[in-house]
C-alpha atoms as a PDB file:
ATOM      1  CA  MET A   1      80.090 139.977 124.101  1.00  0.00           C
ATOM      2  CA  THR A   2      77.160 138.026 125.545  1.00  0.00           C
ATOM      3  CA  ALA A   3      77.180 134.237 125.610  1.00  0.00           C
ATOM      4  CA  ARG A   4      74.390 134.164 123.005  1.00  0.00           C
ATOM      5  CA  ARG A   5      76.250 136.498 120.616  1.00  0.00           C
ATOM      6  CA  LEU A   6      79.437 134.500 121.088  1.00  0.00           C
ATOM      7  CA  ALA A   7      77.638 131.261 120.260  1.00  0.00           C
ATOM      8  CA  THR A   8      76.114 132.839 117.139  1.00  0.00           C
ATOM      9  CA  ALA A   9      79.506 134.157 115.997  1.00  0.00           C
ATOM     10  CA  LEU A  10      81.135 130.769 116.483  1.00  0.00           C
ATOM     11  CA  ALA A  11      78.339 129.045 114.571  1.00  0.00           C
ATOM     12  CA  LEU A  12      78.673 131.460 111.640  1.00  0.00           C
ATOM     13  CA  ALA A  13      82.461 131.007 111.607  1.00  0.00           C
ATOM     14  CA  ALA A  14      82.097 127.226 111.603  1.00  0.00           C
ATOM     15  CA  LEU A  15      79.593 127.433 108.725  1.00  0.00           C
ATOM     16  CA  ALA A  16      81.940 129.639 106.709  1.00  0.00           C
ATOM     17  CA  CYS A  17      84.834 127.228 107.226  1.00  0.00           C
ATOM     18  CA  LYS A  18      82.672 124.273 106.233  1.00  0.00           C
ATOM     19  CA  ALA A  19      81.470 125.967 103.052  1.00  0.00           C
ATOM     20  CA  ALA A  20      84.887 127.174 101.939  1.00  0.00           C
ATOM     21  CA  PRO A  21      86.256 125.230  98.944  1.00  0.00           C
ATOM     22  CA  PRO A  22      89.658 123.620  99.252  1.00  0.00           C
ATOM     23  CA  ALA A  23      92.552 125.927  98.525  1.00  0.00           C
ATOM     24  CA  PRO A  24      94.162 125.508  95.107  1.00  0.00           C
ATOM     25  CA  PRO A  25      97.166 123.190  95.202  1.00  0.00           C
ATOM     26  CA  ALA A  26     100.552 124.818  95.588  1.00  0.00           C
ATOM     27  CA  PRO A  27     103.167 124.012  92.943  1.00  0.00           C
ATOM     28  CA  SER A  28     105.425 121.192  94.060  1.00  0.00           C
ATOM     29  CA  PRO A  29     108.988 122.358  94.778  1.00  0.00           C
ATOM     30  CA  ALA A  30     110.141 118.808  94.006  1.00  0.00           C
ATOM     31  CA  LEU A  31     109.329 119.152  90.296  1.00  0.00           C
ATOM     32  CA  PRO A  32     112.399 120.581  88.526  1.00  0.00           C
ATOM     33  CA  ALA A  33     111.921 123.059  85.721  1.00  0.00           C
ATOM     34  CA  VAL A  34     112.532 121.717  82.228  1.00  0.00           C
ATOM     35  CA  GLY A  35     114.686 124.276  80.437  1.00  0.00           C
ATOM     36  CA  ASP A  36     115.008 124.945  76.735  1.00  0.00           C
ATOM     37  CA  ASP A  37     118.435 123.294  76.811  1.00  0.00           C
ATOM     38  CA  ALA A  38     117.071 119.972  78.110  1.00  0.00           C
ATOM     39  CA  PRO A  39     117.774 116.909  75.924  1.00  0.00           C
ATOM     40  CA  VAL A  40     114.924 116.109  73.543  1.00  0.00           C
ATOM     41  CA  VAL A  41     113.594 112.589  73.026  1.00  0.00           C
ATOM     42  CA  THR A  42     111.261 112.225  70.054  1.00  0.00           C
ATOM     43  CA  LEU A  43     108.842 109.367  69.466  1.00  0.00           C
ATOM     44  CA  SER A  44     107.753 109.657  65.842  1.00  0.00           C
ATOM     45  CA  ARG A  45     105.568 107.152  64.013  1.00  0.00           C
ATOM     46  CA  THR A  46     108.649 105.267  62.839  1.00  0.00           C
ATOM     47  CA  GLU A  47     111.652 105.950  65.083  1.00  0.00           C
ATOM     48  CA  LEU A  48     112.903 106.942  68.510  1.00  0.00           C
ATOM     49  CA  LEU A  49     115.406 109.815  68.483  1.00  0.00           C
ATOM     50  CA  LEU A  50     117.621 111.477  71.073  1.00  0.00           C
ATOM     51  CA  GLY A  51     118.281 114.879  69.563  1.00  0.00           C
ATOM     52  CA  SER A  52     118.846 113.965  65.926  1.00  0.00           C
ATOM     53  CA  ALA A  53     120.434 110.568  66.669  1.00  0.00           C
ATOM     54  CA  HIS A  54     118.478 107.428  65.815  1.00  0.00           C
ATOM     55  CA  ILE A  55     118.026 105.172  68.865  1.00  0.00           C
ATOM     56  CA  ALA A  56     115.526 102.519  67.771  1.00  0.00           C
ATOM     57  CA  ASP A  57     112.687 101.807  65.385  1.00  0.00           C
ATOM     58  CA  VAL A  58     109.163 102.281  66.717  1.00  0.00           C
ATOM     59  CA  THR A  59     106.971  99.193  66.558  1.00  0.00           C
ATOM     60  CA  PRO A  60     103.283 100.141  66.218  1.00  0.00           C
ATOM     61  CA  GLY A  61     100.778  98.682  68.657  1.00  0.00           C
ATOM     62  CA  PRO A  62     100.365  98.056  72.368  1.00  0.00           C
ATOM     63  CA  LEU A  63     103.451  95.870  72.938  1.00  0.00           C
ATOM     64  CA  GLY A  64     106.083  98.596  73.007  1.00  0.00           C
ATOM     65  CA  PHE A  65     109.525  98.387  71.453  1.00  0.00           C
ATOM     66  CA  SER A  66     110.892  95.169  70.015  1.00  0.00           C
ATOM     67  CA  ALA A  67     112.735  92.626  72.159  1.00  0.00           C
ATOM     68  CA  ASP A  68     116.107  93.234  70.508  1.00  0.00           C
ATOM     69  CA  VAL A  69     116.439  96.672  72.171  1.00  0.00           C
ATOM     70  CA  LYS A  70     115.076  95.606  75.561  1.00  0.00           C
ATOM     71  CA  ARG A  71     116.927  94.579  78.691  1.00  0.00           C
ATOM     72  CA  ALA A  72     117.058  90.768  78.970  1.00  0.00           C
ATOM     73  CA  GLY A  73     115.969  90.563  75.341  1.00  0.00           C
ATOM     74  CA  THR A  74     112.285  90.229  76.172  1.00  0.00           C
ATOM     75  CA  ARG A  75     109.551  92.466  74.864  1.00  0.00           C
ATOM     76  CA  ALA A  76     107.851  92.440  78.275  1.00  0.00           C
ATOM     77  CA  ALA A  77     110.791  94.379  79.742  1.00  0.00           C
ATOM     78  CA  LEU A  78     110.394  98.129  80.132  1.00  0.00           C
ATOM     79  CA  GLN A  79     113.972  99.346  79.697  1.00  0.00           C
ATOM     80  CA  ILE A  80     115.109 100.368  76.215  1.00  0.00           C
ATOM     81  CA  VAL A  81     118.814  99.591  76.468  1.00  0.00           C
ATOM     82  CA  PRO A  82     120.261 101.984  73.833  1.00  0.00           C
ATOM     83  CA  LEU A  83     118.122 104.881  75.076  1.00  0.00           C
ATOM     84  CA  GLU A  84     119.074 104.311  78.707  1.00  0.00           C
ATOM     85  CA  ALA A  85     122.770 104.104  77.783  1.00  0.00           C
ATOM     86  CA  ALA A  86     122.673 107.304  75.719  1.00  0.00           C
ATOM     87  CA  LEU A  87     120.783 109.214  78.401  1.00  0.00           C
ATOM     88  CA  ARG A  88     123.043 107.917  81.159  1.00  0.00           C
ATOM     89  CA  ALA A  89     126.058 109.265  79.279  1.00  0.00           C
ATOM     90  CA  LEU A  90     124.391 112.687  79.113  1.00  0.00           C
ATOM     91  CA  HIS A  91     123.458 112.568  82.779  1.00  0.00           C
ATOM     92  CA  ASP A  92     126.948 111.511  83.869  1.00  0.00           C
ATOM     93  CA  ALA A  93     128.478 114.278  81.777  1.00  0.00           C
ATOM     94  CA  SER A  94     126.373 116.903  83.546  1.00  0.00           C
ATOM     95  CA  THR A  95     124.840 115.779  86.818  1.00  0.00           C
ATOM     96  CA  LYS A  96     122.781 118.965  86.952  1.00  0.00           C
ATOM     97  CA  ARG A  97     120.718 117.623  84.091  1.00  0.00           C
ATOM     98  CA  ASP A  98     117.762 115.635  85.384  1.00  0.00           C
ATOM     99  CA  ALA A  99     115.019 116.841  83.046  1.00  0.00           C
ATOM    100  CA  LEU A 100     113.996 115.927  79.510  1.00  0.00           C
ATOM    101  CA  ARG A 101     111.695 117.120  76.790  1.00  0.00           C
ATOM    102  CA  ILE A 102     109.675 114.307  75.243  1.00  0.00           C
ATOM    103  CA  VAL A 103     107.870 114.876  71.947  1.00  0.00           C
ATOM    104  CA  VAL A 104     105.407 112.183  70.905  1.00  0.00           C
ATOM    105  CA  ASP A 105     103.423 111.555  67.758  1.00  0.00           C
ATOM    106  CA  PRO A 106      99.690 111.690  68.611  1.00  0.00           C
ATOM    107  CA  THR A 107      99.345 108.036  67.569  1.00  0.00           C
ATOM    108  CA  THR A 108     102.149 106.822  69.876  1.00  0.00           C
ATOM    109  CA  SER A 109     100.935 104.021  72.136  1.00  0.00           C
ATOM    110  CA  TYR A 110     100.976 104.609  75.876  1.00  0.00           C
ATOM    111  CA  ARG A 111     103.130 101.503  76.336  1.00  0.00           C
ATOM    112  CA  SER A 112     105.876 102.865  74.056  1.00  0.00           C
ATOM    113  CA  PHE A 113     105.797 106.211  75.862  1.00  0.00           C
ATOM    114  CA  LEU A 114     105.962 104.526  79.268  1.00  0.00           C
ATOM    115  CA  GLU A 115     109.021 102.530  78.208  1.00  0.00           C
ATOM    116  CA  VAL A 116     110.764 105.800  77.283  1.00  0.00           C
ATOM    117  CA  VAL A 117     109.862 107.327  80.665  1.00  0.00           C
ATOM    118  CA  PHE A 118     111.001 104.202  82.532  1.00  0.00           C
ATOM    119  CA  SER A 119     114.316 104.084  80.667  1.00  0.00           C
ATOM    120  CA  ALA A 120     114.892 107.796  81.280  1.00  0.00           C
ATOM    121  CA  ALA A 121     114.263 107.399  85.011  1.00  0.00           C
ATOM    122  CA  HIS A 122     116.836 104.597  85.218  1.00  0.00           C
ATOM    123  CA  ALA A 123     119.326 106.904  83.513  1.00  0.00           C
ATOM    124  CA  GLY A 124     118.728 109.645  86.107  1.00  0.00           C
ATOM    125  CA  PHE A 125     116.170 111.794  84.287  1.00  0.00           C
ATOM    126  CA  THR A 126     113.164 111.976  86.605  1.00  0.00           C
ATOM    127  CA  ALA A 127     111.388 115.108  85.356  1.00  0.00           C
ATOM    128  CA  TYR A 128     110.140 115.764  81.872  1.00  0.00           C
ATOM    129  CA  ALA A 129     107.860 117.919  79.780  1.00  0.00           C
ATOM    130  CA  VAL A 130     105.688 116.101  77.245  1.00  0.00           C
ATOM    131  CA  ALA A 131     104.316 117.612  74.050  1.00  0.00           C
ATOM    132  CA  LEU A 132     102.509 116.297  70.995  1.00  0.00           C
ATOM    133  CA  ALA A 133     104.400 116.633  67.721  1.00  0.00           C
ATOM    134  CA  GLY A 134     103.006 119.404  65.545  1.00  0.00           C
ATOM    135  CA  GLN A 135     101.339 121.237  68.430  1.00  0.00           C
ATOM    136  CA  VAL A 136     104.036 123.743  69.327  1.00  0.00           C
ATOM    137  CA  ALA A 137     101.424 126.329  70.348  1.00  0.00           C
ATOM    138  CA  GLU A 138     100.312 124.122  73.236  1.00  0.00           C
ATOM    139  CA  PRO A 139     102.398 124.327  76.434  1.00  0.00           C
ATOM    140  CA  PRO A 140     104.218 121.071  77.240  1.00  0.00           C
ATOM    141  CA  ILE A 141     102.819 119.001  80.079  1.00  0.00           C
ATOM    142  CA  PRO A 142     105.109 118.693  83.133  1.00  0.00           C
ATOM    143  CA  ALA A 143     105.459 115.281  84.769  1.00  0.00           C
ATOM    144  CA  SER A 144     107.893 113.365  86.931  1.00  0.00           C
ATOM    145  CA  THR A 145     108.856 109.928  88.169  1.00  0.00           C
ATOM    146  CA  PRO A 146     108.313 109.626  91.942  1.00  0.00           C
ATOM    147  CA  SER A 147     111.439 109.175  94.024  1.00  0.00           C
ATOM    148  CA  ARG A 148     111.998 106.169  96.253  1.00  0.00           C
ATOM    149  CA  ALA A 149     111.322 108.372  99.292  1.00  0.00           C
ATOM    150  CA  GLU A 150     107.986 109.490  97.818  1.00  0.00           C
ATOM    151  CA  ARG A 151     106.980 105.885  97.085  1.00  0.00           C
ATOM    152  CA  GLU A 152     107.912 104.774 100.610  1.00  0.00           C
ATOM    153  CA  ALA A 153     106.012 107.702 102.132  1.00  0.00           C
ATOM    154  CA  GLU A 154     102.856 106.619 100.304  1.00  0.00           C
ATOM    155  CA  ARG A 155     103.179 103.107 101.739  1.00  0.00           C
ATOM    156  CA  ALA A 156     103.577 104.328 105.326  1.00  0.00           C
ATOM    157  CA  PRO A 157     100.695 103.639 107.759  1.00  0.00           C
ATOM    158  CA  GLY A 158      98.186 106.477 107.726  1.00  0.00           C
ATOM    159  CA  ALA A 159      99.650 108.050 104.584  1.00  0.00           C
ATOM    160  CA  VAL A 160      97.389 110.168 102.400  1.00  0.00           C
ATOM    161  CA  HIS A 161      97.422 108.613  98.939  1.00  0.00           C
ATOM    162  CA  ALA A 162      97.526 110.410  95.620  1.00  0.00           C
ATOM    163  CA  PRO A 163      94.484 109.744  93.452  1.00  0.00           C
ATOM    164  CA  SER A 164      94.887 107.225  90.657  1.00  0.00           C
ATOM    165  CA  PHE A 165      93.284 107.692  87.235  1.00  0.00           C
ATOM    166  CA  VAL A 166      93.242 104.582  85.016  1.00  0.00           C
ATOM    167  CA  LEU A 167      92.256 105.201  81.399  1.00  0.00           C
ATOM    168  CA  ASP A 168      90.956 102.528  79.037  1.00  0.00           C
ATOM    169  CA  ALA A 169      88.112 101.696  76.662  1.00  0.00           C
ATOM    170  CA  ASP A 170      85.615 101.844  79.550  1.00  0.00           C
ATOM    171  CA  GLY A 171      86.564 105.433  80.386  1.00  0.00           C
ATOM    172  CA  ALA A 172      88.337 106.656  83.517  1.00  0.00           C
ATOM    173  CA  SER A 173      88.461 104.608  86.707  1.00  0.00           C
ATOM    174  CA  VAL A 174      89.425 106.599  89.791  1.00  0.00           C
ATOM    175  CA  SER A 175      90.605 105.517  93.223  1.00  0.00           C
ATOM    176  CA  VAL A 176      92.303 107.016  96.265  1.00  0.00           C
ATOM    177  CA  GLY A 177      94.183 104.365  98.192  1.00  0.00           C
ATOM    178  CA  ASP A 178      91.731 101.507  98.749  1.00  0.00           C
ATOM    179  CA  GLU A 179      88.669 103.637  98.066  1.00  0.00           C
ATOM    180  CA  THR A 180      87.047 103.529  94.644  1.00  0.00           C
ATOM    181  CA  ILE A 181      85.315 106.522  93.094  1.00  0.00           C
ATOM    182  CA  GLY A 182      82.652 105.019  90.848  1.00  0.00           C
ATOM    183  CA  ALA A 183      79.857 105.971  88.472  1.00  0.00           C
ATOM    184  CA  GLY A 184      78.990 109.643  88.495  1.00  0.00           C
ATOM    185  CA  CYS A 185      82.364 110.388  90.124  1.00  0.00           C
ATOM    186  CA  ALA A 186      80.827 109.395  93.450  1.00  0.00           C
ATOM    187  CA  ARG A 187      82.168 107.529  96.460  1.00  0.00           C
ATOM    188  CA  GLY A 188      80.814 104.057  97.077  1.00  0.00           C
ATOM    189  CA  GLN A 189      79.662 103.520  93.486  1.00  0.00           C
ATOM    190  CA  ALA A 190      80.732 100.766  91.087  1.00  0.00           C
ATOM    191  CA  GLY A 191      81.904 101.221  87.524  1.00  0.00           C
ATOM    192  CA  ALA A 192      83.976 103.841  85.756  1.00  0.00           C
ATOM    193  CA  ALA A 193      83.917 107.289  87.325  1.00  0.00           C
ATOM    194  CA  VAL A 194      83.663 108.889  83.883  1.00  0.00           C
ATOM    195  CA  PRO A 195      82.463 106.817  80.884  1.00  0.00           C
ATOM    196  CA  PRO A 196      83.659 107.505  77.333  1.00  0.00           C
ATOM    197  CA  VAL A 197      81.675 109.629  74.892  1.00  0.00           C
ATOM    198  CA  SER A 198      81.352 108.268  71.353  1.00  0.00           C
ATOM    199  CA  GLY A 199      84.205 105.868  72.072  1.00  0.00           C
ATOM    200  CA  ARG A 200      86.639 108.545  73.241  1.00  0.00           C
ATOM    201  CA  LEU A 201      87.744 109.649  76.697  1.00  0.00           C
ATOM    202  CA  ASP A 202      85.827 112.653  77.998  1.00  0.00           C
ATOM    203  CA  ALA A 203      88.771 114.793  79.110  1.00  0.00           C
ATOM    204  CA  SER A 204      86.731 117.747  80.377  1.00  0.00           C
ATOM    205  CA  ALA A 205      84.491 115.506  82.501  1.00  0.00           C
ATOM    206  CA  ILE A 206      87.551 113.707  83.905  1.00  0.00           C
ATOM    207  CA  GLY A 207      89.078 117.075  84.802  1.00  0.00           C
ATOM    208  CA  ALA A 208      85.865 118.058  86.594  1.00  0.00           C
ATOM    209  CA  CYS A 209      85.882 114.712  88.407  1.00  0.00           C
ATOM    210  CA  ALA A 210      89.463 115.352  89.560  1.00  0.00           C
ATOM    211  CA  ALA A 211      88.404 118.629  91.166  1.00  0.00           C
ATOM    212  CA  ARG A 212      85.429 116.926  92.763  1.00  0.00           C
ATOM    213  CA  VAL A 213      87.587 114.119  94.190  1.00  0.00           C
ATOM    214  CA  ARG A 214      89.990 116.618  95.735  1.00  0.00           C
ATOM    215  CA  ALA A 215      87.080 118.317  97.519  1.00  0.00           C
ATOM    216  CA  MET A 216      85.669 115.062  98.953  1.00  0.00           C
ATOM    217  CA  ASN A 217      88.016 114.848 101.918  1.00  0.00           C
ATOM    218  CA  PRO A 218      90.060 117.528 103.755  1.00  0.00           C
ATOM    219  CA  ASP A 219      93.119 115.251 103.695  1.00  0.00           C
ATOM    220  CA  TRP A 220      92.740 114.630  99.965  1.00  0.00           C
ATOM    221  CA  ALA A 221      92.686 118.388  99.418  1.00  0.00           C
ATOM    222  CA  LYS A 222      96.300 118.540 100.642  1.00  0.00           C
ATOM    223  CA  VAL A 223      97.536 116.288  97.826  1.00  0.00           C
ATOM    224  CA  THR A 224      99.120 117.966  94.783  1.00  0.00           C
ATOM    225  CA  ALA A 225     100.101 114.881  92.765  1.00  0.00           C
ATOM    226  CA  ALA A 226      98.069 112.353  90.786  1.00  0.00           C
ATOM    227  CA  SER A 227      98.951 109.053  89.143  1.00  0.00           C
ATOM    228  CA  VAL A 228      97.802 108.448  85.566  1.00  0.00           C
ATOM    229  CA  SER A 229      97.917 105.009  83.938  1.00  0.00           C
ATOM    230  CA  ALA A 230      96.446 103.862  80.654  1.00  0.00           C
ATOM    231  CA  ALA A 231      95.760 100.781  78.597  1.00  0.00           C
ATOM    232  CA  PRO A 232      98.942  99.900  76.633  1.00  0.00           C
ATOM    233  CA  GLY A 233      97.416 100.580  73.223  1.00  0.00           C
ATOM    234  CA  LEU A 234      95.749 103.889  74.080  1.00  0.00           C
ATOM    235  CA  ASP A 235      97.113 106.732  71.950  1.00  0.00           C
ATOM    236  CA  MET A 236      99.025 109.552  73.587  1.00  0.00           C
ATOM    237  CA  GLN A 237      96.782 112.240  72.155  1.00  0.00           C
ATOM    238  CA  ALA A 238      93.943 110.861  74.302  1.00  0.00           C
ATOM    239  CA  VAL A 239      96.167 110.403  77.368  1.00  0.00           C
ATOM    240  CA  LEU A 240      97.672 113.892  77.253  1.00  0.00           C
ATOM    241  CA  GLY A 241      94.246 115.430  76.689  1.00  0.00           C
ATOM    242  CA  VAL A 242      93.134 113.943  80.005  1.00  0.00           C
ATOM    243  CA  VAL A 243      96.346 114.949  81.791  1.00  0.00           C
ATOM    244  CA  ALA A 244      95.947 118.561  80.620  1.00  0.00           C
ATOM    245  CA  ALA A 245      92.441 118.556  82.126  1.00  0.00           C
ATOM    246  CA  ILE A 246      93.715 117.195  85.466  1.00  0.00           C
ATOM    247  CA  LEU A 247      96.671 119.580  85.840  1.00  0.00           C
ATOM    248  CA  PRO A 248      94.710 122.574  87.215  1.00  0.00           C
ATOM    249  CA  THR A 249      93.775 120.374  90.198  1.00  0.00           C
ATOM    250  CA  TYR A 250      96.891 118.195  90.446  1.00  0.00           C
ATOM    251  CA  PRO A 251      99.931 120.095  89.100  1.00  0.00           C
ATOM    252  CA  VAL A 252     102.244 117.074  89.451  1.00  0.00           C
ATOM    253  CA  VAL A 253     101.549 113.972  87.373  1.00  0.00           C
ATOM    254  CA  HIS A 254     103.200 110.579  87.685  1.00  0.00           C
ATOM    255  CA  PHE A 255     102.673 108.170  84.799  1.00  0.00           C
ATOM    256  CA  GLY A 256     102.157 104.564  85.895  1.00  0.00           C
ATOM    257  CA  MET A 257     101.498 101.103  84.589  1.00  0.00           C
ATOM    258  CA  VAL A 258      98.131  99.368  84.643  1.00  0.00           C
ATOM    259  CA  SER A 259      98.388  96.408  87.001  1.00  0.00           C
ATOM    260  CA  GLY A 260      96.911  93.013  86.371  1.00  0.00           C
END
């Protein structure tokens, strides 16, 4: 091959590599399967159940469960004491069990759901499948609580961060590490990456933004997990609608708490 033909071939190969979209994310081997025999936690409009056993009454609104079932007796705490104790007993009885099924009423507040997830994680249940009550035809959404090793790895110098999606009345704010993805789902822009439509989160546009974010940086394309946080009073129907739209791009979801 002549030098000119070789240069042309290399240029075409480089162009093809540059134009190629990022490969779809591989399923995370760290996310355990949630079997049909997994314990079921139900958040109805009025009560919290483990199986058919009553655990606590559900208090409507963005403040979560009442103080009398919380660790330290304060409503600001995240751990629901009777739920953690009941789940810990199940976990200790069968250490192979580390996954739950969580069924939530569509009107359940994100704060109440997060307290259930936090309590479950402290009891040893770090993977779960979430479904809306009354929507049995829809596949449950897989999620997990990051391990200590995963959290420490993200804090290491030079670590590639998972994208963070924060959902509230202003829409979806997106960031990757210290970098904000702003208006129009673009780097270097201020404001929400995806604004609401008629007062509701635009799940399909947020899903499209997730795919766009993953393609912005070759290192970001290697990430398979995303963090989702929401305003405490946001209903779970809206939250899970967004998560379902993100899953094709980020098959592992960690639910978090809005800081500040």
